[in-house]
């Protein structure tokens, strides 16, 4: 067993996720309502949402923590993966929609569309939607990365370009003629693979799939950063000119890690949509991409498990603040980022590392 792949924090995280896959179904489906140990279906969906965000945070930590690329555009890859799954779910509605059209989604009927756009074909198949949730974000990252890295754009300029890309996509998806539901997006989903999305069993199944997806993507990221490619990424992050001088293909390493990161973000989006029941252009908003960076910074860059912890902590805090103090949530988010920068330069996980070092 490679100790770099299964270090103590990683083993602990995977064990906790594995335990949740067992406990959540038991507490929700078999412990009766009213019992102190019963887990509400709403809470199950909320936990699943947090785990989707944890996968998204992993994708950002892979390129920011280990490669030094501060991407402010991963919200776009996340949203594209979500739209791919949303298109499949819309095709499954069939004649059960408001207008009863067996082929066209309701928003297309409302807008007087007469036929299904070519890019919607194939999304009646689950496997096709899953492939597109990975391929489309990956393809966009490949094109963007190839142009940017070959031109040696880096630093704050690259961050601005990724944010501009996200903003441009948001504006495009807001347009009704794009064929993605305009500002309302895609919603009113009925079922997934024949299982009702309103069913407690389906909600639990989605949580389990998300937890398993987080385990697998975490292991993939650990395998990458523990490999020679991971070592090269760190070298590029710390001394890019030196790595290029000694003959390493810096642009290629940047490009492929960026593509893998985008594909992981797409997977997170595909798992997210069935659990929240909607996908709209708001997911492209630059604020989401900035929030992801806050999750990673708070948890601890270049640790992977820190990104998972940061995503869960911040989104739990967001859920609490938006209920108790909705008007100050954005101020709380800003304060959290400033506090992490000043007092936790290595994130929450840095506290544990410091304690272990002192012992």
Protein backbone atom coordinates (compact mmCIF):
# COMPACT_ATOMS: atom_id res chain seq x y z
CA UNK A 1 0.00 0.00 0.00
CA UNK A 2 1.40 3.39 -1.06
CA UNK A 3 1.64 5.51 2.09
CA UNK A 4 1.47 8.67 0.02
CA UNK A 5 -1.90 7.56 -1.34
CA UNK A 6 -3.34 6.31 1.95
CA UNK A 7 -1.91 8.66 4.55
CA UNK A 8 -3.65 9.05 7.92
CA UNK A 9 -5.96 11.99 6.99
CA UNK A 10 -6.97 10.30 3.74
CA UNK A 11 -7.71 7.01 5.44
CA UNK A 12 -9.78 8.80 8.09
CA UNK A 13 -11.76 10.73 5.48
CA UNK A 14 -12.48 7.64 3.38
CA UNK A 15 -13.51 5.70 6.49
CA UNK A 16 -15.94 8.47 7.51
CA UNK A 17 -17.45 8.59 4.03
CA UNK A 18 -17.77 4.82 4.00
CA UNK A 19 -19.47 4.95 7.38
CA UNK A 20 -21.90 7.57 6.11
CA UNK A 21 -22.85 5.30 3.20
CA UNK A 22 -23.97 2.74 5.78
CA UNK A 23 -25.44 4.98 8.48
CA UNK A 24 -27.44 7.48 6.42
CA UNK A 25 -29.72 4.87 4.79
CA UNK A 26 -30.28 3.19 8.16
CA UNK A 27 -31.09 6.43 10.00
CA UNK A 28 -33.39 7.68 7.25
CA UNK A 29 -35.19 4.55 6.05
CA UNK A 30 -35.23 2.21 9.04
CA UNK A 31 -35.26 4.48 12.08
CA UNK A 32 -38.89 5.64 12.48
CA UNK A 33 -39.82 9.31 12.22
CA UNK A 34 -40.03 10.92 15.64
CA UNK A 35 -37.10 8.92 16.94
CA UNK A 36 -34.21 11.09 18.10
CA UNK A 37 -31.87 9.23 15.72
CA UNK A 38 -34.10 9.60 12.66
CA UNK A 39 -32.48 11.53 9.81
CA UNK A 40 -34.89 13.65 7.80
CA UNK A 41 -34.90 13.29 4.01
CA UNK A 42 -34.28 17.04 3.74
CA UNK A 43 -31.08 16.60 5.75
CA UNK A 44 -30.02 13.69 3.54
CA UNK A 45 -30.37 15.90 0.45
CA UNK A 46 -28.49 18.71 2.19
CA UNK A 47 -25.62 16.37 3.07
CA UNK A 48 -25.54 15.14 -0.52
CA UNK A 49 -25.32 18.73 -1.70
CA UNK A 50 -22.37 19.36 0.63
CA UNK A 51 -20.56 16.31 -0.76
CA UNK A 52 -21.11 17.56 -4.32
CA UNK A 53 -19.47 20.81 -3.29
CA UNK A 54 -16.63 18.80 -1.72
CA UNK A 55 -15.96 17.13 -5.09
CA UNK A 56 -15.98 20.58 -6.70
CA UNK A 57 -13.51 21.84 -4.09
CA UNK A 58 -11.23 18.88 -4.85
CA UNK A 59 -11.11 19.92 -8.50
CA UNK A 60 -10.00 23.44 -7.56
CA UNK A 61 -7.42 22.27 -5.04
CA UNK A 62 -5.89 20.01 -7.69
CA UNK A 63 -5.00 22.99 -9.90
CA UNK A 64 -4.64 25.76 -7.32
CA UNK A 65 -2.99 23.88 -4.49
CA UNK A 66 -0.66 21.68 -6.52
CA UNK A 67 -0.27 23.53 -9.81
CA UNK A 68 -0.52 27.13 -8.63
CA UNK A 69 -3.32 28.07 -11.05
CA UNK A 70 -5.97 30.16 -9.30
CA UNK A 71 -8.99 29.31 -11.42
CA UNK A 72 -12.05 31.50 -10.96
CA UNK A 73 -13.94 29.60 -13.65
CA UNK A 74 -14.61 26.20 -12.16
CA UNK A 75 -18.20 27.19 -11.53
CA UNK A 76 -18.63 27.03 -15.32
CA UNK A 77 -17.40 23.43 -15.51
CA UNK A 78 -19.66 22.54 -12.59
CA UNK A 79 -22.67 24.14 -14.30
CA UNK A 80 -21.98 22.45 -17.64
CA UNK A 81 -21.94 19.05 -15.94
CA UNK A 82 -25.18 20.00 -14.22
CA UNK A 83 -26.83 21.04 -17.47
CA UNK A 84 -25.85 17.73 -19.09
CA UNK A 85 -27.64 15.82 -16.34
CA UNK A 86 -30.52 18.31 -16.34
CA UNK A 87 -31.07 17.74 -20.07
CA UNK A 88 -31.36 14.00 -19.46
CA UNK A 89 -33.83 14.55 -16.62
CA UNK A 90 -35.92 16.88 -18.81
CA UNK A 91 -36.05 14.27 -21.58
CA UNK A 92 -37.36 11.76 -19.03
CA UNK A 93 -40.37 13.97 -18.22
CA UNK A 94 -41.95 13.15 -21.59
CA UNK A 95 -45.68 13.79 -21.82
CA UNK A 96 -45.95 14.36 -18.06
CA UNK A 97 -45.03 18.02 -18.49
CA UNK A 98 -47.45 20.92 -18.24
CA UNK A 99 -48.05 20.96 -22.01
CA UNK A 100 -47.99 17.17 -22.44
CA UNK A 101 -45.53 17.15 -25.36
CA UNK A 102 -43.77 13.76 -25.43
CA UNK A 103 -40.63 15.15 -27.04
CA UNK A 104 -40.21 18.86 -26.31
CA UNK A 105 -39.56 20.18 -22.78
CA UNK A 106 -42.17 22.60 -21.47
CA UNK A 107 -40.06 25.73 -21.97
CA UNK A 108 -39.59 24.89 -25.66
CA UNK A 109 -43.35 24.46 -26.14
CA UNK A 110 -43.92 27.78 -24.36
CA UNK A 111 -41.44 29.49 -26.69
CA UNK A 112 -43.14 27.93 -29.75
CA UNK A 113 -40.26 25.68 -30.73
CA UNK A 114 -41.37 23.08 -33.26
CA UNK A 115 -38.56 20.56 -33.03
CA UNK A 116 -35.87 19.41 -30.64
CA UNK A 117 -32.49 21.15 -31.20
CA UNK A 118 -29.72 18.91 -32.52
CA UNK A 119 -27.64 19.26 -29.34
CA UNK A 120 -30.49 17.76 -27.27
CA UNK A 121 -30.40 14.49 -29.19
CA UNK A 122 -28.90 11.60 -27.25
CA UNK A 123 -29.84 13.00 -23.87
CA UNK A 124 -32.67 10.54 -23.56
CA UNK A 125 -29.93 8.04 -22.63
CA UNK A 126 -28.43 8.14 -19.14
CA UNK A 127 -25.01 6.92 -20.25
CA UNK A 128 -24.83 9.67 -22.88
CA UNK A 129 -25.63 12.35 -20.31
CA UNK A 130 -22.93 10.97 -17.97
CA UNK A 131 -20.36 11.03 -20.77
CA UNK A 132 -21.31 14.59 -21.76
CA UNK A 133 -21.10 15.74 -18.11
CA UNK A 134 -17.39 14.85 -18.28
CA UNK A 135 -16.55 15.49 -21.95
CA UNK A 136 -18.10 18.96 -22.36
CA UNK A 137 -16.34 20.59 -19.35
CA UNK A 138 -13.15 18.73 -20.26
CA UNK A 139 -13.32 19.91 -23.88
CA UNK A 140 -13.90 23.53 -22.84
CA UNK A 141 -10.96 23.31 -20.40
CA UNK A 142 -8.79 21.80 -23.14
CA UNK A 143 -9.51 24.59 -25.62
CA UNK A 144 -9.18 27.33 -23.01
CA UNK A 145 -6.06 25.81 -21.46
CA UNK A 146 -4.37 25.13 -24.79
CA UNK A 147 -4.78 28.77 -25.82
CA UNK A 148 -3.86 30.23 -22.44
CA UNK A 149 -0.94 28.00 -21.49
CA UNK A 150 0.65 28.06 -24.94
CA UNK A 151 0.56 31.84 -24.70
CA UNK A 152 2.10 31.55 -21.22
CA UNK A 153 -0.70 33.50 -19.57
CA UNK A 154 -0.43 33.07 -15.82
CA UNK A 155 -1.07 34.67 -12.46
CA UNK A 156 -3.81 37.22 -12.02
CA UNK A 157 -4.31 37.53 -15.78
CA UNK A 158 -5.24 33.86 -16.05
CA UNK A 159 -7.60 34.20 -13.09
CA UNK A 160 -9.34 37.14 -14.76
CA UNK A 161 -9.64 35.19 -18.02
CA UNK A 162 -11.26 32.21 -16.28
CA UNK A 163 -13.73 34.50 -14.55
CA UNK A 164 -14.50 36.27 -17.84
CA UNK A 165 -15.17 32.88 -19.44
CA UNK A 166 -17.62 32.00 -16.67
CA UNK A 167 -19.39 35.36 -16.92
CA UNK A 168 -19.69 35.06 -20.70
CA UNK A 169 -21.26 31.60 -20.40
CA UNK A 170 -23.69 32.89 -17.78
CA UNK A 171 -24.85 35.66 -20.12
CA UNK A 172 -25.18 33.18 -23.00
CA UNK A 173 -27.24 30.68 -20.99
CA UNK A 174 -29.60 33.45 -19.87
CA UNK A 175 -30.74 33.83 -23.49
CA UNK A 176 -33.88 31.86 -24.38
CA UNK A 177 -32.70 31.20 -27.93
CA UNK A 178 -29.76 29.16 -26.63
CA UNK A 179 -32.18 26.31 -25.90
CA UNK A 180 -31.35 25.73 -22.24
CA UNK A 181 -34.38 27.25 -20.55
CA UNK A 182 -33.16 30.85 -20.28
CA UNK A 183 -33.11 32.44 -16.85
CA UNK A 184 -35.46 29.77 -15.44
CA UNK A 185 -33.10 26.98 -16.44
CA UNK A 186 -34.17 23.34 -16.27
CA UNK A 187 -36.45 22.10 -13.49
CA UNK A 188 -39.59 20.10 -12.67
CA UNK A 189 -37.71 16.82 -12.97
CA UNK A 190 -39.73 13.65 -12.38
CA UNK A 191 -37.45 10.63 -12.13
CA UNK A 192 -33.97 9.23 -12.65
CA UNK A 193 -33.54 5.81 -14.26
CA UNK A 194 -37.21 5.19 -13.55
CA UNK A 195 -36.98 6.07 -9.84
CA UNK A 196 -39.01 9.02 -8.56
CA UNK A 197 -36.82 11.90 -7.42
CA UNK A 198 -39.34 12.64 -4.66
CA UNK A 199 -38.88 9.20 -3.11
CA UNK A 200 -36.91 8.89 0.14
CA UNK A 201 -35.19 5.81 -1.26
CA UNK A 202 -34.03 7.72 -4.34
CA UNK A 203 -32.74 10.59 -2.20
CA UNK A 204 -30.75 8.17 -0.09
CA UNK A 205 -29.46 6.45 -3.22
CA UNK A 206 -28.27 9.78 -4.61
CA UNK A 207 -26.48 10.54 -1.35
CA UNK A 208 -24.75 7.15 -1.45
CA UNK A 209 -23.74 7.68 -5.08
CA UNK A 210 -22.33 11.12 -4.20
CA UNK A 211 -20.37 9.78 -1.23
CA UNK A 212 -18.96 7.00 -3.41
CA UNK A 213 -18.17 9.56 -6.13
CA UNK A 214 -16.30 11.67 -3.59
CA UNK A 215 -14.26 8.67 -2.47
CA UNK A 216 -13.34 7.75 -6.05
CA UNK A 217 -12.48 11.30 -7.13
CA UNK A 218 -10.46 11.80 -3.94
CA UNK A 219 -8.47 8.64 -4.65
CA UNK A 220 -7.94 9.78 -8.24
CA UNK A 221 -6.61 13.14 -7.07
CA UNK A 222 -4.39 11.47 -4.46
CA UNK A 223 -3.01 9.13 -7.13
CA UNK A 224 -2.24 12.10 -9.39
CA UNK A 225 -0.50 14.23 -6.76
CA UNK A 226 1.46 11.20 -5.52
CA UNK A 227 2.74 10.41 -9.01
CA UNK A 228 5.54 11.91 -11.08
CA UNK A 229 2.98 14.22 -12.67
CA UNK A 230 2.11 15.51 -9.19
CA UNK A 231 5.77 16.11 -8.43
CA UNK A 232 6.13 18.00 -11.70
CA UNK A 233 3.03 20.06 -10.89
CA UNK A 234 4.55 21.14 -7.58
CA UNK A 235 7.79 22.00 -9.36
CA UNK A 236 5.85 24.12 -11.84
CA UNK A 237 3.99 25.80 -9.01
CA UNK A 238 7.16 26.66 -7.08
CA UNK A 239 9.59 27.38 -9.92
CA UNK A 240 7.99 27.27 -13.36
CA UNK A 241 10.92 28.86 -15.19
CA UNK A 242 13.36 26.39 -13.68
CA UNK A 243 11.15 23.42 -14.58
CA UNK A 244 10.91 24.66 -18.15
CA UNK A 245 14.66 25.29 -18.30
CA UNK A 246 15.55 21.70 -17.36
CA UNK A 247 13.36 20.38 -20.17
CA UNK A 248 9.96 19.51 -18.71
CA UNK A 249 6.86 20.01 -20.85
CA UNK A 250 5.32 22.57 -18.52
CA UNK A 251 2.44 23.52 -20.81
CA UNK A 252 1.37 19.89 -21.27
CA UNK A 253 1.33 19.17 -17.53
CA UNK A 254 -0.72 22.30 -16.90
CA UNK A 255 -3.14 21.46 -19.68
CA UNK A 256 -3.87 17.88 -18.67
CA UNK A 257 -4.28 18.62 -14.98
CA UNK A 258 -6.60 21.49 -15.89
CA UNK A 259 -8.68 19.17 -18.07
CA UNK A 260 -8.89 16.47 -15.37
CA UNK A 261 -9.87 19.13 -12.84
CA UNK A 262 -12.65 20.42 -15.13
CA UNK A 263 -13.96 16.87 -15.68
CA UNK A 264 -14.15 16.33 -11.91
CA UNK A 265 -16.07 19.60 -11.55
CA UNK A 266 -18.47 18.35 -14.24
CA UNK A 267 -19.05 15.14 -12.29
CA UNK A 268 -19.87 17.22 -9.21
CA UNK A 269 -22.44 19.19 -11.22
CA UNK A 270 -24.05 16.03 -12.60
CA UNK A 271 -24.47 14.63 -9.07
CA UNK A 272 -25.73 17.96 -7.76
CA UNK A 273 -28.67 18.58 -10.09
CA UNK A 274 -30.89 15.55 -9.25
CA UNK A 275 -30.54 16.37 -5.55
CA UNK A 276 -31.46 20.06 -5.73
CA UNK A 277 -34.00 19.66 -8.54
CA UNK A 278 -32.92 22.61 -10.69
CA UNK A 279 -30.08 23.97 -12.79
CA UNK A 280 -30.08 27.55 -14.09
CA UNK A 281 -27.55 30.14 -15.32
CA UNK A 282 -27.07 31.34 -11.75
CA UNK A 283 -24.67 28.42 -11.29
CA UNK A 284 -22.32 30.17 -13.73
CA UNK A 285 -22.21 33.26 -11.51
CA UNK A 286 -18.61 34.34 -10.76
CA UNK A 287 -19.50 34.46 -7.06
CA UNK A 288 -19.72 30.66 -6.93
CA UNK A 289 -16.21 30.28 -8.35
CA UNK A 290 -14.94 32.75 -5.75
CA UNK A 291 -16.73 30.83 -3.00
CA UNK A 292 -14.97 27.62 -4.08
CA UNK A 293 -11.61 29.31 -3.59
CA UNK A 294 -12.72 30.32 -0.09
CA UNK A 295 -13.62 26.68 0.71
CA UNK A 296 -10.19 25.50 -0.34
CA UNK A 297 -8.35 28.33 1.43
CA UNK A 298 -10.25 27.73 4.66
CA UNK A 299 -9.74 23.99 4.58
CA UNK A 300 -6.10 24.09 3.52
CA UNK A 301 -4.53 24.25 0.07
CA UNK A 302 -2.52 21.36 -1.37
CA UNK A 303 -3.96 18.77 1.02
CA UNK A 304 -7.11 17.61 -0.85
CA UNK A 305 -8.76 16.50 2.39
CA UNK A 306 -8.61 20.14 3.49
CA UNK A 307 -10.66 21.11 0.44
CA UNK A 308 -13.33 18.58 1.44
CA UNK A 309 -13.41 19.87 5.02
CA UNK A 310 -13.51 23.51 3.91
CA UNK A 311 -16.41 22.88 1.51
CA UNK A 312 -18.47 21.18 4.20
CA UNK A 313 -17.71 23.79 6.89
CA UNK A 314 -18.44 26.83 4.71
CA UNK A 315 -21.63 25.42 3.20
CA UNK A 316 -22.94 24.32 6.58
CA UNK A 317 -22.23 27.85 7.84
CA UNK A 318 -23.96 29.25 4.76
CA UNK A 319 -27.05 27.11 5.40
CA UNK A 320 -27.15 28.27 9.01
CA UNK A 321 -26.53 31.96 8.27
CA UNK A 322 -29.05 32.12 5.42
CA UNK A 323 -31.73 30.88 7.82
CA UNK A 324 -30.74 32.81 10.94
CA UNK A 325 -29.13 35.95 9.46
CA UNK A 326 -29.81 36.00 5.68
CA UNK A 327 -28.95 39.67 5.27
CA UNK A 328 -25.35 39.32 6.50
CA UNK A 329 -24.31 36.06 4.79
CA UNK A 330 -22.06 37.74 2.19
CA UNK A 331 -20.36 39.80 4.89
CA UNK A 332 -19.82 36.63 6.92
CA UNK A 333 -18.27 34.92 3.88
CA UNK A 334 -15.88 37.83 3.38
CA UNK A 335 -14.97 37.89 7.06
CA UNK A 336 -14.35 34.15 6.95
CA UNK A 337 -11.92 34.53 4.05
CA UNK A 338 -10.07 37.42 5.72
CA UNK A 339 -9.83 35.52 9.01
CA UNK A 340 -8.51 32.43 7.24
CA UNK A 341 -5.90 34.52 5.44
CA UNK A 342 -4.72 36.29 8.60
CA UNK A 343 -4.95 33.57 11.24
CA UNK A 344 -5.08 30.29 9.29
CA UNK A 345 -2.62 30.71 6.40
CA UNK A 346 -2.55 26.92 6.00
CA UNK A 347 -6.26 26.49 6.63
CA UNK A 348 -8.03 24.45 9.27
CA UNK A 349 -5.88 21.44 8.50
CA UNK A 350 -2.80 23.52 9.24
CA UNK A 351 -3.82 23.54 12.92
CA UNK A 352 -3.66 19.74 13.07
CA UNK A 353 -0.36 19.65 11.20
CA UNK A 354 1.08 22.23 13.61
CA UNK A 355 -0.05 20.17 16.63
CA UNK A 356 1.46 16.97 15.20
CA UNK A 357 4.74 18.78 14.50
CA UNK A 358 4.91 20.22 18.01
CA UNK A 359 4.36 16.77 19.49
